[in-house]
């Protein structure tokens, strides 16, 4: 009985969500596509793409929470689209501040 309860506790405590690693992967892909859309792909490396995507995803997620948008039905698709749009906004803001075209 104790072993069965221990297994149940271990399974219940195991977090099967992809977490931060998935955010880096999704952010990298979203940042790369955003850099293609914004025409900055040749200027950005993989680190800047990932940063733009992760920051864009965080920014987009914040805006969605601000307007109380429920994302449960759309899951990973909405997460990716949010990161993509947010990355485009981040890249556009950086271009605006630095004066790059």
PDB file of N, CA and C in Angstrom:
ATOM      1  N   UNK A   1       0.817  -1.189   0.000  1.00  0.00           N
ATOM      2  CA  UNK A   1       0.000   0.000   0.000  1.00  0.00           C
ATOM      3  C   UNK A   1       0.865   1.259   0.000  1.00  0.00           C
ATOM      4  N   UNK A   2       1.914   1.262   0.802  1.00  0.00           N
ATOM      5  CA  UNK A   2       2.791   2.428   0.873  1.00  0.00           C
ATOM      6  C   UNK A   2       3.503   2.641  -0.456  1.00  0.00           C
ATOM      7  N   UNK A   3       3.970   1.549  -1.083  1.00  0.00           N
ATOM      8  CA  UNK A   3       4.655   1.667  -2.369  1.00  0.00           C
ATOM      9  C   UNK A   3       3.710   2.195  -3.438  1.00  0.00           C
ATOM     10  N   UNK A   4       2.469   1.743  -3.405  1.00  0.00           N
ATOM     11  CA  UNK A   4       1.492   2.218  -4.376  1.00  0.00           C
ATOM     12  C   UNK A   4       1.234   3.717  -4.176  1.00  0.00           C
ATOM     13  N   UNK A   5       1.118   4.150  -2.944  1.00  0.00           N
ATOM     14  CA  UNK A   5       0.920   5.570  -2.662  1.00  0.00           C
ATOM     15  C   UNK A   5       2.135   6.394  -3.066  1.00  0.00           C
ATOM     16  N   UNK A   6       3.321   5.849  -2.862  1.00  0.00           N
ATOM     17  CA  UNK A   6       4.539   6.553  -3.254  1.00  0.00           C
ATOM     18  C   UNK A   6       4.585   6.731  -4.767  1.00  0.00           C
ATOM     19  N   UNK A   7       4.192   5.686  -5.519  1.00  0.00           N
ATOM     20  CA  UNK A   7       4.149   5.804  -6.978  1.00  0.00           C
ATOM     21  C   UNK A   7       3.137   6.851  -7.413  1.00  0.00           C
ATOM     22  N   UNK A   8       1.999   6.867  -6.760  1.00  0.00           N
ATOM     23  CA  UNK A   8       0.961   7.846  -7.087  1.00  0.00           C
ATOM     24  C   UNK A   8       1.448   9.260  -6.810  1.00  0.00           C
ATOM     25  N   UNK A   9       2.124   9.448  -5.687  1.00  0.00           N
ATOM     26  CA  UNK A   9       2.651  10.767  -5.343  1.00  0.00           C
ATOM     27  C   UNK A   9       3.709  11.185  -6.350  1.00  0.00           C
ATOM     28  N   UNK A  10       4.581  10.254  -6.742  1.00  0.00           N
ATOM     29  CA  UNK A  10       5.617  10.578  -7.715  1.00  0.00           C
ATOM     30  C   UNK A  10       5.004  10.969  -9.049  1.00  0.00           C
ATOM     31  N   UNK A  11       3.998  10.238  -9.502  1.00  0.00           N
ATOM     32  CA  UNK A  11       3.350  10.572 -10.766  1.00  0.00           C
ATOM     33  C   UNK A  11       2.607  11.891 -10.673  1.00  0.00           C
ATOM     34  N   UNK A  12       1.967  12.136  -9.546  1.00  0.00           N
ATOM     35  CA  UNK A  12       1.224  13.383  -9.380  1.00  0.00           C
ATOM     36  C   UNK A  12       2.158  14.581  -9.300  1.00  0.00           C
ATOM     37  N   UNK A  13       3.336  14.377  -8.709  1.00  0.00           N
ATOM     38  CA  UNK A  13       4.254  15.498  -8.561  1.00  0.00           C
ATOM     39  C   UNK A  13       5.097  15.731  -9.805  1.00  0.00           C
ATOM     40  N   UNK A  14       5.170  14.747 -10.689  1.00  0.00           N
ATOM     41  CA  UNK A  14       5.942  14.916 -11.920  1.00  0.00           C
ATOM     42  C   UNK A  14       5.200  15.889 -12.824  1.00  0.00           C
ATOM     43  N   UNK A  15       5.915  16.891 -13.278  1.00  0.00           N
ATOM     44  CA  UNK A  15       5.306  17.894 -14.143  1.00  0.00           C
ATOM     45  C   UNK A  15       5.604  17.510 -15.583  1.00  0.00           C
ATOM     46  N   UNK A  16       4.590  17.094 -16.300  1.00  0.00           N
ATOM     47  CA  UNK A  16       4.782  16.648 -17.668  1.00  0.00           C
ATOM     48  C   UNK A  16       4.639  17.779 -18.676  1.00  0.00           C
ATOM     49  N   UNK A  17       4.424  18.996 -18.209  1.00  0.00           N
ATOM     50  CA  UNK A  17       4.368  20.115 -19.141  1.00  0.00           C
ATOM     51  C   UNK A  17       5.785  20.433 -19.611  1.00  0.00           C
ATOM     52  N   UNK A  18       5.936  20.849 -20.857  1.00  0.00           N
ATOM     53  CA  UNK A  18       7.272  21.092 -21.401  1.00  0.00           C
ATOM     54  C   UNK A  18       8.036  22.204 -20.693  1.00  0.00           C
ATOM     55  N   UNK A  19       7.342  23.177 -20.144  1.00  0.00           N
ATOM     56  CA  UNK A  19       7.985  24.207 -19.345  1.00  0.00           C
ATOM     57  C   UNK A  19       8.934  25.108 -20.104  1.00  0.00           C
ATOM     58  N   UNK A  20       9.992  25.504 -19.427  1.00  0.00           N
ATOM     59  CA  UNK A  20      10.901  26.510 -19.970  1.00  0.00           C
ATOM     60  C   UNK A  20      11.620  26.035 -21.216  1.00  0.00           C
ATOM     61  N   UNK A  21      11.914  24.746 -21.319  1.00  0.00           N
ATOM     62  CA  UNK A  21      12.603  24.237 -22.506  1.00  0.00           C
ATOM     63  C   UNK A  21      11.739  24.428 -23.746  1.00  0.00           C
ATOM     64  N   UNK A  22      10.453  24.153 -23.614  1.00  0.00           N
ATOM     65  CA  UNK A  22       9.533  24.353 -24.737  1.00  0.00           C
ATOM     66  C   UNK A  22       9.419  25.830 -25.087  1.00  0.00           C
ATOM     67  N   UNK A  23       9.446  26.699 -24.076  1.00  0.00           N
ATOM     68  CA  UNK A  23       9.396  28.134 -24.354  1.00  0.00           C
ATOM     69  C   UNK A  23      10.611  28.572 -25.157  1.00  0.00           C
ATOM     70  N   UNK A  24      11.770  28.013 -24.874  1.00  0.00           N
ATOM     71  CA  UNK A  24      12.971  28.359 -25.634  1.00  0.00           C
ATOM     72  C   UNK A  24      12.841  27.871 -27.074  1.00  0.00           C
ATOM     73  N   UNK A  25      12.352  26.652 -27.260  1.00  0.00           N
ATOM     74  CA  UNK A  25      12.173  26.113 -28.613  1.00  0.00           C
ATOM     75  C   UNK A  25      11.129  26.930 -29.372  1.00  0.00           C
ATOM     76  N   UNK A  26       9.971  27.139 -28.772  1.00  0.00           N
ATOM     77  CA  UNK A  26       8.911  27.921 -29.423  1.00  0.00           C
ATOM     78  C   UNK A  26       9.391  29.352 -29.658  1.00  0.00           C
ATOM     79  N   UNK A  27      10.063  29.922 -28.679  1.00  0.00           N
ATOM     80  CA  UNK A  27      10.594  31.274 -28.834  1.00  0.00           C
ATOM     81  C   UNK A  27      11.612  31.371 -29.948  1.00  0.00           C
ATOM     82  N   UNK A  28      12.469  30.368 -30.057  1.00  0.00           N
ATOM     83  CA  UNK A  28      13.465  30.361 -31.128  1.00  0.00           C
ATOM     84  C   UNK A  28      12.827  30.295 -32.500  1.00  0.00           C
ATOM     85  N   UNK A  29      11.855  29.419 -32.647  1.00  0.00           N
ATOM     86  CA  UNK A  29      11.169  29.288 -33.937  1.00  0.00           C
ATOM     87  C   UNK A  29      10.374  30.554 -34.244  1.00  0.00           C
ATOM     88  N   UNK A  30       9.652  31.065 -33.251  1.00  0.00           N
ATOM     89  CA  UNK A  30       8.872  32.292 -33.453  1.00  0.00           C
ATOM     90  C   UNK A  30       9.789  33.476 -33.750  1.00  0.00           C
ATOM     91  N   UNK A  31      10.898  33.580 -33.044  1.00  0.00           N
ATOM     92  CA  UNK A  31      11.851  34.663 -33.288  1.00  0.00           C
ATOM     93  C   UNK A  31      12.478  34.581 -34.661  1.00  0.00           C
ATOM     94  N   UNK A  32      12.779  33.364 -35.107  1.00  0.00           N
ATOM     95  CA  UNK A  32      13.361  33.176 -36.436  1.00  0.00           C
ATOM     96  C   UNK A  32      12.366  33.575 -37.525  1.00  0.00           C
ATOM     97  N   UNK A  33      11.123  33.115 -37.394  1.00  0.00           N
ATOM     98  CA  UNK A  33      10.098  33.468 -38.382  1.00  0.00           C
ATOM     99  C   UNK A  33       9.823  34.976 -38.333  1.00  0.00           C
ATOM    100  N   UNK A  34       9.789  35.550 -37.138  1.00  0.00           N
ATOM    101  CA  UNK A  34       9.575  36.997 -37.014  1.00  0.00           C
ATOM    102  C   UNK A  34      10.710  37.773 -37.667  1.00  0.00           C
ATOM    103  N   UNK A  35      11.944  37.297 -37.518  1.00  0.00           N
ATOM    104  CA  UNK A  35      13.068  37.988 -38.155  1.00  0.00           C
ATOM    105  C   UNK A  35      12.985  37.881 -39.673  1.00  0.00           C
ATOM    106  N   UNK A  36      12.437  36.776 -40.185  1.00  0.00           N
ATOM    107  CA  UNK A  36      12.194  36.648 -41.633  1.00  0.00           C
ATOM    108  C   UNK A  36      11.120  37.645 -42.063  1.00  0.00           C
ATOM    109  N   UNK A  37      10.038  37.727 -41.302  1.00  0.00           N
ATOM    110  CA  UNK A  37       8.938  38.640 -41.623  1.00  0.00           C
ATOM    111  C   UNK A  37       9.413  40.090 -41.576  1.00  0.00           C
ATOM    112  N   UNK A  38      10.202  40.426 -40.569  1.00  0.00           N
ATOM    113  CA  UNK A  38      10.641  41.809 -40.369  1.00  0.00           C
ATOM    114  C   UNK A  38      11.882  42.159 -41.192  1.00  0.00           C
ATOM    115  N   UNK A  39      12.444  41.194 -41.908  1.00  0.00           N
ATOM    116  CA  UNK A  39      13.599  41.446 -42.766  1.00  0.00           C
ATOM    117  C   UNK A  39      14.904  41.646 -42.021  1.00  0.00           C
ATOM    118  N   UNK A  40      15.030  41.057 -40.846  1.00  0.00           N
ATOM    119  CA  UNK A  40      16.255  41.211 -40.054  1.00  0.00           C
ATOM    120  C   UNK A  40      16.986  39.889 -39.853  1.00  0.00           C
ATOM    121  N   UNK A  41      16.654  38.893 -40.648  1.00  0.00           N
ATOM    122  CA  UNK A  41      17.220  37.561 -40.428  1.00  0.00           C
ATOM    123  C   UNK A  41      18.734  37.549 -40.556  1.00  0.00           C
ATOM    124  N   UNK A  42      19.271  38.272 -41.532  1.00  0.00           N
ATOM    125  CA  UNK A  42      20.726  38.246 -41.710  1.00  0.00           C
ATOM    126  C   UNK A  42      21.464  39.000 -40.608  1.00  0.00           C
ATOM    127  N   UNK A  43      20.758  39.892 -39.897  1.00  0.00           N
ATOM    128  CA  UNK A  43      21.375  40.655 -38.812  1.00  0.00           C
ATOM    129  C   UNK A  43      21.304  39.951 -37.467  1.00  0.00           C
ATOM    130  N   UNK A  44      20.404  38.978 -37.350  1.00  0.00           N
ATOM    131  CA  UNK A  44      20.164  38.332 -36.058  1.00  0.00           C
ATOM    132  C   UNK A  44      20.731  36.919 -36.064  1.00  0.00           C
ATOM    133  N   UNK A  45      21.334  36.541 -34.971  1.00  0.00           N
ATOM    134  CA  UNK A  45      21.781  35.168 -34.808  1.00  0.00           C
ATOM    135  C   UNK A  45      20.748  34.378 -34.030  1.00  0.00           C
ATOM    136  N   UNK A  46      21.095  33.165 -33.701  1.00  0.00           N
ATOM    137  CA  UNK A  46      20.151  32.284 -33.012  1.00  0.00           C
ATOM    138  C   UNK A  46      19.799  32.812 -31.618  1.00  0.00           C
ATOM    139  N   UNK A  47      20.773  33.391 -30.930  1.00  0.00           N
ATOM    140  CA  UNK A  47      20.513  33.905 -29.578  1.00  0.00           C
ATOM    141  C   UNK A  47      19.513  35.058 -29.624  1.00  0.00           C
ATOM    142  N   UNK A  48      19.698  35.981 -30.550  1.00  0.00           N
ATOM    143  CA  UNK A  48      18.770  37.112 -30.661  1.00  0.00           C
ATOM    144  C   UNK A  48      17.390  36.646 -31.108  1.00  0.00           C
ATOM    145  N   UNK A  49      17.336  35.631 -31.984  1.00  0.00           N
ATOM    146  CA  UNK A  49      16.041  35.078 -32.390  1.00  0.00           C
ATOM    147  C   UNK A  49      15.302  34.489 -31.196  1.00  0.00           C
ATOM    148  N   UNK A  50      16.013  33.698 -30.401  1.00  0.00           N
ATOM    149  CA  UNK A  50      15.395  33.082 -29.222  1.00  0.00           C
ATOM    150  C   UNK A  50      14.952  34.162 -28.237  1.00  0.00           C
ATOM    151  N   UNK A  51      15.812  35.142 -27.994  1.00  0.00           N
ATOM    152  CA  UNK A  51      15.451  36.222 -27.069  1.00  0.00           C
ATOM    153  C   UNK A  51      14.230  36.994 -27.558  1.00  0.00           C
ATOM    154  N   UNK A  52      14.198  37.321 -28.847  1.00  0.00           N
ATOM    155  CA  UNK A  52      13.044  38.050 -29.397  1.00  0.00           C
ATOM    156  C   UNK A  52      11.778  37.223 -29.242  1.00  0.00           C
ATOM    157  N   UNK A  53      11.864  35.919 -29.503  1.00  0.00           N
ATOM    158  CA  UNK A  53      10.692  35.057 -29.382  1.00  0.00           C
ATOM    159  C   UNK A  53      10.225  34.876 -27.952  1.00  0.00           C
ATOM    160  N   UNK A  54      11.157  34.666 -27.038  1.00  0.00           N
ATOM    161  CA  UNK A  54      10.790  34.466 -25.630  1.00  0.00           C
ATOM    162  C   UNK A  54      10.242  35.767 -25.035  1.00  0.00           C
ATOM    163  N   UNK A  55      10.918  36.883 -25.296  1.00  0.00           N
ATOM    164  CA  UNK A  55      10.422  38.169 -24.798  1.00  0.00           C
ATOM    165  C   UNK A  55       9.086  38.498 -25.455  1.00  0.00           C
ATOM    166  N   UNK A  56       8.980  38.227 -26.750  1.00  0.00           N
ATOM    167  CA  UNK A  56       7.717  38.455 -27.451  1.00  0.00           C
ATOM    168  C   UNK A  56       6.597  37.587 -26.917  1.00  0.00           C
ATOM    169  N   UNK A  57       6.904  36.335 -26.606  1.00  0.00           N
ATOM    170  CA  UNK A  57       5.908  35.443 -26.018  1.00  0.00           C
ATOM    171  C   UNK A  57       5.472  35.908 -24.644  1.00  0.00           C
ATOM    172  N   UNK A  58       6.431  36.363 -23.852  1.00  0.00           N
ATOM    173  CA  UNK A  58       6.098  36.886 -22.528  1.00  0.00           C
ATOM    174  C   UNK A  58       5.234  38.132 -22.657  1.00  0.00           C
ATOM    175  N   UNK A  59       5.625  39.036 -23.556  1.00  0.00           N
ATOM    176  CA  UNK A  59       4.871  40.271 -23.769  1.00  0.00           C
ATOM    177  C   UNK A  59       3.463  39.968 -24.282  1.00  0.00           C
ATOM    178  N   UNK A  60       3.368  39.067 -25.255  1.00  0.00           N
ATOM    179  CA  UNK A  60       2.059  38.692 -25.788  1.00  0.00           C
ATOM    180  C   UNK A  60       1.190  38.012 -24.748  1.00  0.00           C
ATOM    181  N   UNK A  61       1.787  37.141 -23.946  1.00  0.00           N
ATOM    182  CA  UNK A  61       1.051  36.485 -22.869  1.00  0.00           C
ATOM    183  C   UNK A  61       0.540  37.483 -21.844  1.00  0.00           C
ATOM    184  N   UNK A  62       1.349  38.487 -21.558  1.00  0.00           N
ATOM    185  CA  UNK A  62       0.933  39.535 -20.625  1.00  0.00           C
ATOM    186  C   UNK A  62      -0.274  40.293 -21.176  1.00  0.00           C
ATOM    187  N   UNK A  63      -0.226  40.630 -22.466  1.00  0.00           N
ATOM    188  CA  UNK A  63      -1.347  41.349 -23.087  1.00  0.00           C
ATOM    189  C   UNK A  63      -2.606  40.486 -23.085  1.00  0.00           C
ATOM    190  N   UNK A  64      -2.464  39.194 -23.377  1.00  0.00           N
ATOM    191  CA  UNK A  64      -3.628  38.305 -23.353  1.00  0.00           C
ATOM    192  C   UNK A  64      -4.234  38.231 -21.957  1.00  0.00           C
ATOM    193  N   UNK A  65      -3.380  38.120 -20.932  1.00  0.00           N
ATOM    194  CA  UNK A  65      -3.882  38.090 -19.556  1.00  0.00           C
ATOM    195  C   UNK A  65      -4.515  39.420 -19.164  1.00  0.00           C
ATOM    196  N   UNK A  66      -3.965  40.516 -19.682  1.00  0.00           N
ATOM    197  CA  UNK A  66      -4.498  41.840 -19.387  1.00  0.00           C
ATOM    198  C   UNK A  66      -5.938  41.974 -19.867  1.00  0.00           C
ATOM    199  N   UNK A  67      -6.234  41.384 -21.029  1.00  0.00           N
ATOM    200  CA  UNK A  67      -7.586  41.420 -21.584  1.00  0.00           C
ATOM    201  C   UNK A  67      -8.392  40.177 -21.236  1.00  0.00           C
ATOM    202  N   UNK A  68      -7.871  39.367 -20.315  1.00  0.00           N
ATOM    203  CA  UNK A  68      -8.547  38.167 -19.819  1.00  0.00           C
ATOM    204  C   UNK A  68      -8.949  37.208 -20.943  1.00  0.00           C
ATOM    205  N   UNK A  69      -8.042  37.014 -21.900  1.00  0.00           N
ATOM    206  CA  UNK A  69      -8.283  36.077 -22.999  1.00  0.00           C
ATOM    207  C   UNK A  69      -7.983  34.671 -22.501  1.00  0.00           C
ATOM    208  N   UNK A  70      -8.942  33.770 -22.648  1.00  0.00           N
ATOM    209  CA  UNK A  70      -8.770  32.374 -22.250  1.00  0.00           C
ATOM    210  C   UNK A  70      -8.106  31.616 -23.397  1.00  0.00           C
ATOM    211  N   UNK A  71      -6.968  30.997 -23.131  1.00  0.00           N
ATOM    212  CA  UNK A  71      -6.196  30.351 -24.189  1.00  0.00           C
ATOM    213  C   UNK A  71      -6.271  28.841 -24.156  1.00  0.00           C
ATOM    214  N   UNK A  72      -7.014  28.276 -23.232  1.00  0.00           N
ATOM    215  CA  UNK A  72      -7.036  26.830 -23.053  1.00  0.00           C
ATOM    216  C   UNK A  72      -7.446  26.049 -24.285  1.00  0.00           C
ATOM    217  N   UNK A  73      -8.405  26.537 -25.041  1.00  0.00           N
ATOM    218  CA  UNK A  73      -8.909  25.792 -26.197  1.00  0.00           C
ATOM    219  C   UNK A  73      -7.912  25.763 -27.347  1.00  0.00           C
ATOM    220  N   UNK A  74      -7.008  26.733 -27.406  1.00  0.00           N
ATOM    221  CA  UNK A  74      -6.089  26.827 -28.532  1.00  0.00           C
ATOM    222  C   UNK A  74      -4.707  26.271 -28.223  1.00  0.00           C
ATOM    223  N   UNK A  75      -4.360  26.149 -26.969  1.00  0.00           N
ATOM    224  CA  UNK A  75      -3.122  25.515 -26.535  1.00  0.00           C
ATOM    225  C   UNK A  75      -1.862  26.061 -27.182  1.00  0.00           C
ATOM    226  N   UNK A  76      -1.052  25.139 -27.723  1.00  0.00           N
ATOM    227  CA  UNK A  76       0.258  25.473 -28.278  1.00  0.00           C
ATOM    228  C   UNK A  76       0.165  26.377 -29.493  1.00  0.00           C
ATOM    229  N   UNK A  77      -0.909  26.258 -30.271  1.00  0.00           N
ATOM    230  CA  UNK A  77      -1.050  27.101 -31.461  1.00  0.00           C
ATOM    231  C   UNK A  77      -1.109  28.571 -31.063  1.00  0.00           C
ATOM    232  N   UNK A  78      -1.944  28.898 -30.095  1.00  0.00           N
ATOM    233  CA  UNK A  78      -2.052  30.290 -29.652  1.00  0.00           C
ATOM    234  C   UNK A  78      -0.766  30.744 -28.969  1.00  0.00           C
ATOM    235  N   UNK A  79      -0.106  29.849 -28.276  1.00  0.00           N
ATOM    236  CA  UNK A  79       1.179  30.181 -27.663  1.00  0.00           C
ATOM    237  C   UNK A  79       2.182  30.583 -28.728  1.00  0.00           C
ATOM    238  N   UNK A  80       2.243  29.802 -29.813  1.00  0.00           N
ATOM    239  CA  UNK A  80       3.172  30.102 -30.895  1.00  0.00           C
ATOM    240  C   UNK A  80       2.811  31.411 -31.590  1.00  0.00           C
ATOM    241  N   UNK A  81       1.529  31.594 -31.912  1.00  0.00           N
ATOM    242  CA  UNK A  81       1.096  32.822 -32.592  1.00  0.00           C
ATOM    243  C   UNK A  81       1.366  34.040 -31.711  1.00  0.00           C
ATOM    244  N   UNK A  82       1.115  33.910 -30.423  1.00  0.00           N
ATOM    245  CA  UNK A  82       1.382  35.002 -29.490  1.00  0.00           C
ATOM    246  C   UNK A  82       2.867  35.336 -29.462  1.00  0.00           C
ATOM    247  N   UNK A  83       3.716  34.313 -29.413  1.00  0.00           N
ATOM    248  CA  UNK A  83       5.163  34.539 -29.420  1.00  0.00           C
ATOM    249  C   UNK A  83       5.609  35.156 -30.739  1.00  0.00           C
ATOM    250  N   UNK A  84       5.023  34.733 -31.851  1.00  0.00           N
ATOM    251  CA  UNK A  84       5.384  35.268 -33.167  1.00  0.00           C
ATOM    252  C   UNK A  84       5.020  36.747 -33.278  1.00  0.00           C
ATOM    253  N   UNK A  85       3.799  37.084 -32.920  1.00  0.00           N
ATOM    254  CA  UNK A  85       3.371  38.491 -32.980  1.00  0.00           C
ATOM    255  C   UNK A  85       4.187  39.333 -32.000  1.00  0.00           C
ATOM    256  N   UNK A  86       4.392  38.810 -30.805  1.00  0.00           N
ATOM    257  CA  UNK A  86       5.194  39.535 -29.822  1.00  0.00           C
ATOM    258  C   UNK A  86       6.627  39.737 -30.283  1.00  0.00           C
ATOM    259  N   UNK A  87       7.212  38.726 -30.930  1.00  0.00           N
ATOM    260  CA  UNK A  87       8.579  38.845 -31.442  1.00  0.00           C
ATOM    261  C   UNK A  87       8.648  39.896 -32.543  1.00  0.00           C
ATOM    262  N   UNK A  88       7.628  39.956 -33.399  1.00  0.00           N
ATOM    263  CA  UNK A  88       7.584  41.002 -34.433  1.00  0.00           C
ATOM    264  C   UNK A  88       7.537  42.385 -33.790  1.00  0.00           C
ATOM    265  N   UNK A  89       6.760  42.521 -32.731  1.00  0.00           N
ATOM    266  CA  UNK A  89       6.679  43.802 -32.015  1.00  0.00           C
ATOM    267  C   UNK A  89       8.026  44.143 -31.386  1.00  0.00           C
ATOM    268  N   UNK A  90       8.672  43.158 -30.767  1.00  0.00           N
ATOM    269  CA  UNK A  90       9.978  43.389 -30.132  1.00  0.00           C
ATOM    270  C   UNK A  90      11.010  43.792 -31.179  1.00  0.00           C
ATOM    271  N   UNK A  91      11.061  43.075 -32.298  1.00  0.00           N
ATOM    272  CA  UNK A  91      12.025  43.394 -33.356  1.00  0.00           C
ATOM    273  C   UNK A  91      11.730  44.781 -33.931  1.00  0.00           C
ATOM    274  N   UNK A  92      10.454  45.087 -34.144  1.00  0.00           N
ATOM    275  CA  UNK A  92      10.081  46.408 -34.647  1.00  0.00           C
ATOM    276  C   UNK A  92      10.481  47.516 -33.690  1.00  0.00           C
ATOM    277  N   UNK A  93      10.303  47.286 -32.395  1.00  0.00           N
ATOM    278  CA  UNK A  93      10.686  48.285 -31.390  1.00  0.00           C
ATOM    279  C   UNK A  93      12.196  48.488 -31.371  1.00  0.00           C
ATOM    280  N   UNK A  94      12.947  47.397 -31.474  1.00  0.00           N
ATOM    281  CA  UNK A  94      14.412  47.503 -31.503  1.00  0.00           C
ATOM    282  C   UNK A  94      14.857  48.258 -32.750  1.00  0.00           C
ATOM    283  N   UNK A  95      14.242  47.958 -33.889  1.00  0.00           N
ATOM    284  CA  UNK A  95      14.576  48.673 -35.124  1.00  0.00           C
ATOM    285  C   UNK A  95      14.256  50.157 -34.996  1.00  0.00           C
ATOM    286  N   UNK A  96      13.146  50.480 -34.353  1.00  0.00           N
ATOM    287  CA  UNK A  96      12.741  51.872 -34.172  1.00  0.00           C
ATOM    288  C   UNK A  96      13.722  52.616 -33.269  1.00  0.00           C
ATOM    289  N   UNK A  97      14.125  51.981 -32.192  1.00  0.00           N
ATOM    290  CA  UNK A  97      15.030  52.620 -31.230  1.00  0.00           C
ATOM    291  C   UNK A  97      16.438  52.769 -31.802  1.00  0.00           C
ATOM    292  N   UNK A  98      16.918  51.732 -32.494  1.00  0.00           N
ATOM    293  CA  UNK A  98      18.291  51.772 -33.012  1.00  0.00           C
ATOM    294  C   UNK A  98      18.393  52.488 -34.348  1.00  0.00           C
ATOM    295  N   UNK A  99      17.271  52.716 -35.004  1.00  0.00           N
ATOM    296  CA  UNK A  99      17.290  53.401 -36.297  1.00  0.00           C
ATOM    297  C   UNK A  99      17.673  52.517 -37.462  1.00  0.00           C
ATOM    298  N   UNK A 100      17.696  51.208 -37.252  1.00  0.00           N
ATOM    299  CA  UNK A 100      18.018  50.280 -38.348  1.00  0.00           C
ATOM    300  C   UNK A 100      16.806  50.072 -39.223  1.00  0.00           C
ATOM    301  N   UNK A 101      17.072  49.786 -40.483  1.00  0.00           N
ATOM    302  CA  UNK A 101      15.962  49.538 -41.408  1.00  0.00           C
ATOM    303  C   UNK A 101      15.803  48.088 -41.691  1.00  0.00           C
TER     304      UNK A 101
END
